[in-house]
Amino acid sequence: MANLLTKIKDLIIADLNETRQHKEKQNPIDLLNQYLRQCEQETEKVGKLIERQSSLKAEFTREYHQATERAEKRKYQAEIALKAGETELYQFASAEHQQYSERAQRLNASLAQVIEQLRELERKHEEMKQKLKDMHLRRMELMGRENVTRANIKINQVSESNSYSDQFSSKFKDIENYLERLEHKVNHSYFQSTIDARIEQLEKEKSEQDDNPVNLTKE
């Protein structure tokens, strides 16, 4: 049993070490992108909570106005009942006026607290968005530096490496040799065709002379 637990422990430690090594090998920009995505997700979650808090504020406001209106209504009805000598109706209206008044006071206090909490959440949410924006700008700056660094590395490799120079020289030499062979072939073909045409022309001229001899002695 002890050996089994030891093996399980070793496997867990090995997995953790492998995970850590894998993260260390990752591109820092990639890790930064992952962190920014997490921050964006958290910011969105806070935004949704603010929407819920805003809805709660609207609900508290509605309940507060409703309780206030009913309290005022029962107060007016109690006064009418008192003037009319309707004791039982007066007591009922007065009791409900008291209940609605207390409810309105409680709702008003809760509403004030919700409003204050909402303002604080909105302030912190705005700070989160501004920090996230700054992190995005910072990431762009780092990406720019990374691009320049990688480009310079490639440029230095091409400019300073003998292997690259040798490869380019070899490629250019192969092309030059190919062009020379092609030019020689073209020139040889042209020269051959030119000779054949010239010989044919001379033979034709000689044949014409043989068919029409000229008396050189006759003046």
Protein backbone atom coordinates (compact mmCIF):
# COMPACT_ATOMS: atom_id res chain seq x y z
CA MET A 1 0.00 0.00 0.00
CA ALA A 2 2.83 2.35 0.93
CA ASN A 3 4.60 1.58 -2.37
CA LEU A 4 1.41 2.35 -4.30
CA LEU A 5 0.99 5.71 -2.56
CA THR A 6 4.63 6.51 -3.23
CA LYS A 7 4.20 5.73 -6.94
CA ILE A 8 1.08 7.89 -7.14
CA LYS A 9 2.92 10.74 -5.42
CA ASP A 10 5.87 10.40 -7.83
CA LEU A 11 3.52 10.44 -10.82
CA ILE A 12 1.78 13.59 -9.57
CA ILE A 13 5.11 15.35 -8.98
CA ALA A 14 6.32 14.30 -12.43
CA ASP A 15 3.15 15.67 -14.06
CA LEU A 16 3.51 18.96 -12.21
CA ASN A 17 7.16 19.27 -13.23
CA GLU A 18 6.30 18.49 -16.84
CA THR A 19 3.54 21.09 -16.83
CA ARG A 20 5.87 23.70 -15.35
CA GLN A 21 8.60 22.93 -17.88
CA HIS A 22 6.10 23.12 -20.70
CA LYS A 23 4.95 26.57 -19.55
CA GLU A 24 8.55 27.73 -19.24
CA LYS A 25 9.20 26.67 -22.85
CA GLN A 26 6.18 28.59 -24.10
CA ASN A 27 6.62 31.91 -25.81
CA PRO A 28 6.26 34.71 -23.19
CA ILE A 29 3.99 36.59 -25.61
CA ASP A 30 1.69 33.55 -25.76
CA LEU A 31 1.57 33.42 -21.97
CA LEU A 32 0.79 37.14 -21.90
CA ASN A 33 -2.05 36.60 -24.39
CA GLN A 34 -3.50 33.86 -22.18
CA TYR A 35 -3.33 36.16 -19.16
CA LEU A 36 -5.01 38.98 -21.08
CA ARG A 37 -7.81 36.65 -22.18
CA GLN A 38 -8.36 35.68 -18.55
CA CYS A 39 -8.45 39.36 -17.57
CA GLU A 40 -10.96 40.07 -20.34
CA GLN A 41 -13.17 37.24 -19.11
CA GLU A 42 -13.04 38.54 -15.53
CA THR A 43 -13.84 42.05 -16.72
CA GLU A 44 -16.85 40.73 -18.63
CA LYS A 45 -18.04 38.88 -15.52
CA VAL A 46 -17.84 42.09 -13.48
CA GLY A 47 -19.76 43.88 -16.23
CA LYS A 48 -22.56 41.32 -15.97
CA LEU A 49 -22.63 41.69 -12.17
CA ILE A 50 -22.97 45.45 -12.62
CA GLU A 51 -25.91 44.88 -14.96
CA ARG A 52 -27.55 42.73 -12.28
CA GLN A 53 -26.85 45.39 -9.64
CA SER A 54 -28.36 48.03 -11.93
CA SER A 55 -31.46 45.86 -12.37
CA LEU A 56 -31.64 45.47 -8.59
CA LYS A 57 -31.42 49.23 -8.20
CA ALA A 58 -34.34 49.67 -10.60
CA GLU A 59 -36.37 47.08 -8.69
CA PHE A 60 -35.65 48.74 -5.33
CA THR A 61 -36.58 52.11 -6.82
CA ARG A 62 -39.87 50.75 -8.11
CA GLU A 63 -40.71 49.11 -4.76
CA TYR A 64 -39.77 52.27 -2.86
CA HIS A 65 -42.02 54.50 -4.98
CA GLN A 66 -44.84 51.99 -4.70
CA ALA A 67 -44.57 51.82 -0.89
CA THR A 68 -44.37 55.63 -0.66
CA GLU A 69 -47.46 56.07 -2.83
CA ARG A 70 -49.45 53.52 -0.80
CA ALA A 71 -48.35 55.09 2.46
CA GLU A 72 -49.54 58.50 1.25
CA LYS A 73 -52.78 56.96 0.04
CA ARG A 74 -53.47 55.23 3.40
CA LYS A 75 -52.60 58.42 5.25
CA TYR A 76 -55.14 60.38 3.23
CA GLN A 77 -57.77 57.65 3.70
CA ALA A 78 -57.12 57.59 7.45
CA GLU A 79 -57.71 61.34 7.64
CA ILE A 80 -60.98 60.99 5.70
CA ALA A 81 -62.13 58.12 7.96
CA LEU A 82 -61.23 60.10 11.09
CA LYS A 83 -63.24 63.11 9.94
CA ALA A 84 -66.14 60.83 9.10
CA GLY A 85 -66.02 59.16 12.51
CA GLU A 86 -65.27 55.74 11.01
CA THR A 87 -63.06 54.47 13.83
CA GLU A 88 -62.52 50.94 12.53
CA LEU A 89 -61.74 52.15 9.03
CA TYR A 90 -59.45 54.82 10.49
CA GLN A 91 -57.50 52.23 12.50
CA PHE A 92 -57.12 49.94 9.48
CA ALA A 93 -55.91 52.78 7.23
CA SER A 94 -53.57 54.09 9.94
CA ALA A 95 -52.05 50.64 10.51
CA GLU A 96 -51.40 50.15 6.81
CA HIS A 97 -50.01 53.68 6.55
CA GLN A 98 -47.54 52.76 9.30
CA GLN A 99 -46.56 49.53 7.56
CA TYR A 100 -46.06 51.17 4.18
CA SER A 101 -44.11 54.05 5.75
CA GLU A 102 -41.75 51.66 7.54
CA ARG A 103 -41.36 49.64 4.35
CA ALA A 104 -40.61 52.79 2.37
CA GLN A 105 -37.96 53.82 4.92
CA ARG A 106 -36.33 50.38 4.77
CA LEU A 107 -36.46 50.36 0.98
CA ASN A 108 -35.03 53.86 0.84
CA ALA A 109 -32.07 52.79 3.01
CA SER A 110 -31.53 49.68 0.89
CA LEU A 111 -31.80 51.72 -2.28
CA ALA A 112 -29.17 54.18 -1.05
CA GLN A 113 -26.87 51.27 -0.22
CA VAL A 114 -27.44 49.64 -3.63
CA ILE A 115 -26.75 52.93 -5.40
CA GLU A 116 -23.50 53.39 -3.47
CA GLN A 117 -22.45 49.82 -4.20
CA LEU A 118 -23.29 50.26 -7.87
CA ARG A 119 -21.21 53.43 -8.10
CA GLU A 120 -18.27 51.66 -6.49
CA LEU A 121 -18.60 48.69 -8.82
CA GLU A 122 -18.81 50.95 -11.86
CA ARG A 123 -15.73 52.85 -10.70
CA LYS A 124 -13.72 49.65 -10.19
CA HIS A 125 -15.00 48.21 -13.46
CA GLU A 126 -13.84 51.31 -15.29
CA GLU A 127 -10.42 50.94 -13.64
CA MET A 128 -10.31 47.32 -14.79
CA LYS A 129 -11.13 48.33 -18.38
CA GLN A 130 -8.48 51.05 -18.35
CA LYS A 131 -5.85 48.66 -16.96
CA LEU A 132 -6.84 46.07 -19.54
CA LYS A 133 -6.47 48.68 -22.27
CA ASP A 134 -3.02 49.59 -20.94
CA MET A 135 -2.04 45.92 -20.92
CA HIS A 136 -3.18 45.56 -24.54
CA LEU A 137 -1.07 48.56 -25.51
CA ARG A 138 1.87 47.15 -23.56
CA ARG A 139 1.43 43.82 -25.35
CA MET A 140 1.49 45.59 -28.72
CA GLU A 141 4.74 47.30 -27.74
CA LEU A 142 6.28 44.00 -26.69
CA MET A 143 5.09 42.31 -29.89
CA GLY A 144 6.71 45.10 -31.89
CA ARG A 145 10.00 44.63 -30.04
CA GLU A 146 9.76 40.86 -30.51
CA ASN A 147 9.19 41.25 -34.25
CA VAL A 148 12.17 43.59 -34.60
CA THR A 149 14.37 41.27 -32.55
CA ARG A 150 13.40 38.20 -34.58
CA ALA A 151 13.90 40.10 -37.84
CA ASN A 152 17.35 41.26 -36.74
CA ILE A 153 18.27 37.70 -35.80
CA LYS A 154 17.28 36.49 -39.28
CA ILE A 155 19.13 39.38 -40.92
CA ASN A 156 22.27 38.67 -38.90
CA GLN A 157 22.06 34.98 -39.77
CA VAL A 158 21.87 35.79 -43.48
CA SER A 159 24.50 38.53 -43.37
CA GLU A 160 27.07 36.86 -41.12
CA SER A 161 26.64 33.14 -41.66
CA ASN A 162 29.10 31.55 -44.09
CA SER A 163 26.66 28.73 -44.76
CA TYR A 164 24.08 31.20 -46.11
CA SER A 165 26.73 32.95 -48.19
CA ASP A 166 27.98 29.64 -49.55
CA GLN A 167 24.45 28.57 -50.39
CA PHE A 168 23.74 31.81 -52.23
CA SER A 169 27.06 31.65 -54.07
CA SER A 170 26.43 28.07 -55.09
CA LYS A 171 22.94 28.89 -56.35
CA PHE A 172 24.14 31.87 -58.35
CA LYS A 173 27.02 29.84 -59.81
CA ASP A 174 24.62 27.08 -60.87
CA ILE A 175 22.41 29.62 -62.59
CA GLU A 176 25.38 31.24 -64.36
CA ASN A 177 26.60 27.85 -65.60
CA TYR A 178 23.15 26.98 -66.84
CA LEU A 179 22.86 30.27 -68.72
CA GLU A 180 26.31 29.82 -70.25
CA ARG A 181 25.42 26.34 -71.50
CA LEU A 182 22.13 27.62 -72.87
CA GLU A 183 23.82 30.56 -74.63
CA HIS A 184 26.47 28.26 -76.10
CA LYS A 185 23.79 25.92 -77.39
CA VAL A 186 21.86 28.79 -78.97
CA ASN A 187 24.98 30.29 -80.52
CA HIS A 188 26.16 26.93 -81.83
CA SER A 189 22.77 26.23 -83.36
CA TYR A 190 22.71 29.67 -84.96
CA PHE A 191 26.25 29.39 -86.28
CA GLN A 192 25.53 25.90 -87.70
CA SER A 193 22.38 27.09 -89.44
CA THR A 194 24.28 30.12 -90.79
CA ILE A 195 27.09 27.94 -92.20
CA ASP A 196 24.63 25.59 -93.85
CA ALA A 197 22.84 28.49 -95.47
CA ARG A 198 26.10 30.11 -96.65
CA ILE A 199 27.45 26.85 -98.13
CA GLU A 200 24.15 26.26 -99.86
CA GLN A 201 24.31 29.78 -101.33
CA LEU A 202 27.91 29.24 -102.58
CA GLU A 203 26.97 25.93 -104.13
CA LYS A 204 24.05 27.60 -105.91
CA GLU A 205 26.26 30.39 -107.21
CA LYS A 206 28.89 27.89 -108.45
CA SER A 207 26.21 25.85 -110.20
CA GLU A 208 24.95 28.95 -111.96
CA GLN A 209 28.46 29.81 -113.08
CA ASP A 210 28.97 26.31 -114.45
CA ASP A 211 25.70 26.47 -116.41
CA ASN A 212 26.54 29.90 -117.88
CA PRO A 213 30.30 30.08 -118.53
CA VAL A 214 31.66 33.52 -119.26
CA ASN A 215 34.24 34.06 -122.04
CA LEU A 216 36.84 36.02 -120.25
CA THR A 217 39.02 36.43 -123.37
CA LYS A 218 36.33 38.07 -125.45
CA GLU A 219 36.39 41.81 -125.16
